[in-house]
Amino acid sequence: MRTRFISSWGVLALALSVPATYAAVAHHKGINSALLAKANAGDAEAQYQLGSAYNYGDKVRRDYAQALFWYRKGAEQGNAKSEFQLGGLYHFGHGVPQDDAQGFAWIMKAAEQQYAVAENFISVCYAEGWGVPQDNAHQYFWLRRAAEDGDADSQYFLGWAYEDGLHGVYQDYTKAYFWLDIAASESNSHRGRREAVKRRNKAASHLTAAEQARVEEQVREWIERHAANSQ
């Protein structure tokens, strides 16, 4: 049984879920009335937020049918976060029959908008054969895209792949150090930073001091460039 939607996440008829009028009028205790009004008026971000409230039981009783309804509303307007989460519901079979192909299709829509966590998950789909044939080349392509777009888990696993020559990636300690050093800087968790530093230092043992200094300068340039792009 799947219990996690990796970050480090379809087109089945909504008839499998709830009537269109149900979610539009339902107002469980805890849902902000202004948020519900915005969602009903067609605001895609509000629809995503409402879907997430029901998906995670945030101040309201968890209800996957409601989550499915609102995520779909947002996804149909091209909201990448809703596309990703809708794919997650299909992937896990929450509120809808489990369907990897549907999950992959919706998450790919988000990945194509450069939503990094979705790009990471598409990489995992190609690695595991979830909704698509296993393919190391496509796994690497999406893993690198996710890393470039700022997903720290992808940066860590890309560095690991270069360090050990995994998944069809040739071994390159310089690139391993580069991505692991970035992952150590970008990770939001203490554990993630610790693991990235541990592997980065292992890669550093294969580099000269001059090589390491050169890569660290490239890392600083990468971080500065991406920080500027995100403003």
Protein backbone atom coordinates (compact mmCIF):
# COMPACT_ATOMS: atom_id res chain seq x y z
CA MET A 1 0.00 0.00 0.00
CA ARG A 2 1.34 3.41 -0.92
CA THR A 3 1.59 5.75 2.01
CA ARG A 4 3.71 8.62 0.69
CA PHE A 5 3.49 10.97 -2.23
CA ILE A 6 7.15 11.59 -3.10
CA SER A 7 8.53 15.02 -3.60
CA SER A 8 10.56 14.44 -2.39
CA TRP A 9 3.76 13.57 -6.74
CA GLY A 10 -5.33 11.44 -15.75
CA VAL A 11 -8.71 11.67 -17.21
CA LEU A 12 -11.20 9.33 -15.41
CA ALA A 13 -14.80 10.60 -15.39
CA LEU A 14 -15.72 12.62 -12.32
CA ALA A 15 -18.84 10.47 -12.14
CA LEU A 16 -16.68 8.21 -9.97
CA SER A 17 -16.65 10.98 -7.37
CA VAL A 18 -19.51 13.33 -6.44
CA PRO A 19 -22.24 15.29 -8.19
CA ALA A 20 -21.02 18.74 -9.29
CA THR A 21 -23.53 20.46 -7.01
CA TYR A 22 -22.35 18.68 -3.88
CA ALA A 23 -18.94 20.28 -3.51
CA ALA A 24 -20.25 23.63 -4.68
CA VAL A 25 -22.71 23.92 -1.80
CA ALA A 26 -21.01 21.88 0.91
CA HIS A 27 -19.62 24.01 3.72
CA HIS A 28 -18.19 21.89 6.47
CA LYS A 29 -17.37 23.55 9.73
CA GLY A 30 -13.90 25.03 9.54
CA ILE A 31 -13.92 26.11 5.90
CA ASN A 32 -13.41 29.83 5.46
CA SER A 33 -16.52 31.29 3.78
CA ALA A 34 -14.48 33.82 1.78
CA LEU A 35 -12.25 31.04 0.45
CA LEU A 36 -15.29 28.98 -0.54
CA ALA A 37 -16.82 31.99 -2.30
CA LYS A 38 -13.63 32.60 -4.28
CA ALA A 39 -13.39 28.94 -5.23
CA ASN A 40 -17.03 28.87 -6.38
CA ALA A 41 -16.35 32.04 -8.39
CA GLY A 42 -13.62 30.22 -10.31
CA ASP A 43 -10.43 31.32 -8.55
CA ALA A 44 -7.93 28.53 -9.31
CA GLU A 45 -5.68 29.23 -6.31
CA ALA A 46 -8.67 29.18 -3.96
CA GLN A 47 -9.79 25.89 -5.51
CA TYR A 48 -6.33 24.44 -4.85
CA GLN A 49 -6.39 25.67 -1.24
CA LEU A 50 -9.85 24.27 -0.68
CA GLY A 51 -8.83 20.95 -2.19
CA SER A 52 -5.82 20.83 0.11
CA ALA A 53 -7.94 21.62 3.17
CA TYR A 54 -10.09 18.57 2.44
CA ASN A 55 -7.15 16.42 1.32
CA TYR A 56 -5.16 16.94 4.51
CA GLY A 57 -8.00 17.56 6.97
CA ASP A 58 -6.85 21.14 7.65
CA LYS A 59 -9.48 22.66 9.97
CA VAL A 60 -12.13 20.48 8.35
CA ARG A 61 -13.02 16.80 8.25
CA ARG A 62 -10.86 15.02 5.67
CA ASP A 63 -12.91 14.29 2.57
CA TYR A 64 -11.16 12.90 -0.50
CA ALA A 65 -14.25 13.30 -2.68
CA GLN A 66 -14.26 17.04 -1.96
CA ALA A 67 -10.49 17.21 -2.47
CA LEU A 68 -10.87 15.47 -5.82
CA PHE A 69 -13.63 17.87 -6.86
CA TRP A 70 -11.72 21.06 -6.03
CA TYR A 71 -8.33 19.90 -7.27
CA ARG A 72 -9.97 18.98 -10.56
CA LYS A 73 -11.53 22.43 -10.78
CA GLY A 74 -8.12 24.03 -10.31
CA ALA A 75 -6.37 21.55 -12.59
CA GLU A 76 -8.82 22.21 -15.41
CA GLN A 77 -7.69 25.84 -15.25
CA GLY A 78 -4.04 24.81 -15.50
CA ASN A 79 -3.10 25.30 -11.84
CA ALA A 80 0.09 23.22 -11.52
CA LYS A 81 -0.34 22.55 -7.80
CA SER A 82 -3.85 21.22 -8.36
CA GLU A 83 -2.66 19.09 -11.28
CA PHE A 84 0.05 17.61 -9.07
CA GLN A 85 -2.28 16.89 -6.17
CA LEU A 86 -5.01 15.51 -8.41
CA GLY A 87 -2.43 13.12 -9.83
CA GLY A 88 -1.54 12.17 -6.28
CA LEU A 89 -5.13 11.20 -5.51
CA TYR A 90 -5.14 8.89 -8.53
CA HIS A 91 -1.72 7.52 -7.62
CA PHE A 92 -2.83 6.55 -4.12
CA GLY A 93 -6.45 5.78 -4.93
CA HIS A 94 -7.83 8.42 -2.56
CA GLY A 95 -11.41 9.31 -3.47
CA VAL A 96 -11.05 7.53 -6.81
CA PRO A 97 -9.90 4.06 -7.94
CA GLN A 98 -6.11 3.81 -7.88
CA ASP A 99 -4.75 4.45 -11.38
CA ASP A 100 -1.05 5.06 -12.09
CA ALA A 101 -1.69 6.09 -15.69
CA GLN A 102 -4.13 8.79 -14.59
CA GLY A 103 -1.76 9.92 -11.86
CA PHE A 104 1.14 10.15 -14.30
CA ALA A 105 -0.89 12.11 -16.85
CA TRP A 106 -1.99 14.79 -14.40
CA ILE A 107 1.40 15.10 -12.73
CA MET A 108 3.05 15.41 -16.14
CA LYS A 109 0.85 18.44 -16.81
CA ALA A 110 2.30 20.08 -13.71
CA ALA A 111 5.84 19.00 -14.60
CA GLU A 112 5.50 20.59 -18.02
CA GLN A 113 4.90 23.90 -16.22
CA GLN A 114 8.28 23.50 -14.47
CA TYR A 115 6.69 22.68 -11.11
CA ALA A 116 9.79 21.13 -9.57
CA VAL A 117 8.17 18.67 -7.17
CA ALA A 118 6.12 17.30 -10.08
CA GLU A 119 9.25 16.98 -12.22
CA ASN A 120 10.82 15.01 -9.38
CA PHE A 121 7.83 12.68 -9.19
CA ILE A 122 7.82 12.10 -12.95
CA SER A 123 11.44 11.01 -12.58
CA VAL A 124 10.35 8.52 -9.93
CA CYS A 125 7.55 7.27 -12.20
CA TYR A 126 10.11 6.46 -14.89
CA ALA A 127 12.35 4.80 -12.31
CA GLU A 128 9.57 2.65 -10.84
CA GLY A 129 7.41 2.12 -13.93
CA TRP A 130 4.40 3.89 -12.40
CA GLY A 131 1.98 4.59 -15.23
CA VAL A 132 4.78 4.52 -17.80
CA PRO A 133 7.46 2.02 -18.86
CA GLN A 134 10.70 2.15 -16.89
CA ASP A 135 13.22 4.34 -18.67
CA ASN A 136 16.56 5.45 -17.20
CA ALA A 137 17.08 8.16 -19.81
CA HIS A 138 13.73 9.81 -19.05
CA GLN A 139 14.31 9.34 -15.33
CA TYR A 140 17.58 11.27 -15.59
CA PHE A 141 16.04 13.96 -17.83
CA TRP A 142 13.28 14.78 -15.35
CA LEU A 143 15.55 14.42 -12.33
CA ARG A 144 17.92 17.00 -13.80
CA ARG A 145 15.04 19.32 -14.71
CA ALA A 146 13.72 19.12 -11.16
CA ALA A 147 17.20 19.81 -9.78
CA GLU A 148 17.63 22.81 -12.08
CA ASP A 149 14.23 24.12 -10.99
CA GLY A 150 15.21 24.03 -7.33
CA ASP A 151 13.98 20.73 -5.88
CA ALA A 152 16.49 19.86 -3.14
CA ASP A 153 15.64 16.13 -3.13
CA SER A 154 16.35 15.98 -6.87
CA GLN A 155 19.61 17.85 -6.40
CA TYR A 156 20.64 15.31 -3.77
CA PHE A 157 19.72 12.26 -5.85
CA LEU A 158 21.32 13.71 -8.97
CA GLY A 159 24.54 14.26 -7.03
CA TRP A 160 24.32 10.72 -5.68
CA ALA A 161 23.81 9.38 -9.21
CA TYR A 162 26.93 11.16 -10.41
CA GLU A 163 28.90 10.02 -7.37
CA ASP A 164 28.08 6.32 -7.80
CA GLY A 165 27.32 6.18 -11.54
CA LEU A 166 23.67 5.21 -11.01
CA HIS A 167 20.72 4.99 -13.42
CA GLY A 168 22.81 5.21 -16.55
CA VAL A 169 24.58 8.37 -15.39
CA TYR A 170 28.35 8.27 -15.83
CA GLN A 171 30.42 8.71 -12.68
CA ASP A 172 31.66 12.28 -12.28
CA TYR A 173 32.85 13.48 -8.88
CA THR A 174 32.96 17.11 -9.97
CA LYS A 175 29.26 17.09 -10.91
CA ALA A 176 28.48 15.03 -7.82
CA TYR A 177 30.10 17.66 -5.60
CA PHE A 178 28.31 20.44 -7.48
CA TRP A 179 24.80 19.07 -6.99
CA LEU A 180 25.37 17.77 -3.46
CA ASP A 181 26.75 21.14 -2.37
CA ILE A 182 23.68 22.86 -3.82
CA ALA A 183 21.40 20.32 -2.11
CA ALA A 184 23.13 21.04 1.21
CA SER A 185 22.37 24.74 0.72
CA GLU A 186 18.81 24.33 -0.58
CA SER A 187 17.41 21.60 1.67
CA ASN A 188 14.76 22.70 4.16
CA SER A 189 15.41 19.84 6.57
CA HIS A 190 18.29 19.22 8.95
CA ARG A 191 18.43 15.59 7.90
CA GLY A 192 18.50 16.53 4.22
CA ARG A 193 21.38 18.94 4.74
CA ARG A 194 23.28 16.41 6.84
CA GLU A 195 22.96 13.65 4.24
CA ALA A 196 23.91 16.01 1.41
CA VAL A 197 27.00 17.22 3.28
CA LYS A 198 28.01 13.64 4.06
CA ARG A 199 27.88 12.61 0.40
CA ARG A 200 29.40 15.88 -0.77
CA ASN A 201 32.41 15.33 1.48
CA LYS A 202 32.77 11.81 0.12
CA ALA A 203 32.86 13.21 -3.43
CA ALA A 204 35.35 15.88 -2.33
CA SER A 205 37.84 13.17 -1.37
CA HIS A 206 38.22 12.47 -5.10
CA LEU A 207 38.92 16.10 -6.02
CA THR A 208 42.00 18.27 -5.71
CA ALA A 209 41.78 21.46 -3.67
CA ALA A 210 41.78 23.49 -6.89
CA GLU A 211 38.99 21.40 -8.41
CA GLN A 212 36.91 21.73 -5.26
CA ALA A 213 37.41 25.51 -5.14
CA ARG A 214 36.37 25.80 -8.79
CA VAL A 215 33.19 23.81 -8.21
CA GLU A 216 32.31 25.84 -5.12
CA GLU A 217 32.55 29.01 -7.21
CA GLN A 218 30.19 27.45 -9.76
CA VAL A 219 27.80 26.57 -6.93
CA ARG A 220 27.82 30.18 -5.68
CA GLU A 221 27.09 31.42 -9.18
CA TRP A 222 24.25 28.90 -9.58
CA ILE A 223 22.63 29.88 -6.28
CA GLU A 224 22.92 33.61 -7.02
CA ARG A 225 21.47 33.17 -10.51
CA HIS A 226 18.52 31.10 -9.32
CA ALA A 227 17.85 33.44 -6.39
CA ALA A 228 17.67 36.34 -8.83
CA ASN A 229 15.34 34.42 -11.16
CA SER A 230 12.96 33.61 -8.32
CA GLN A 231 12.48 37.27 -7.32
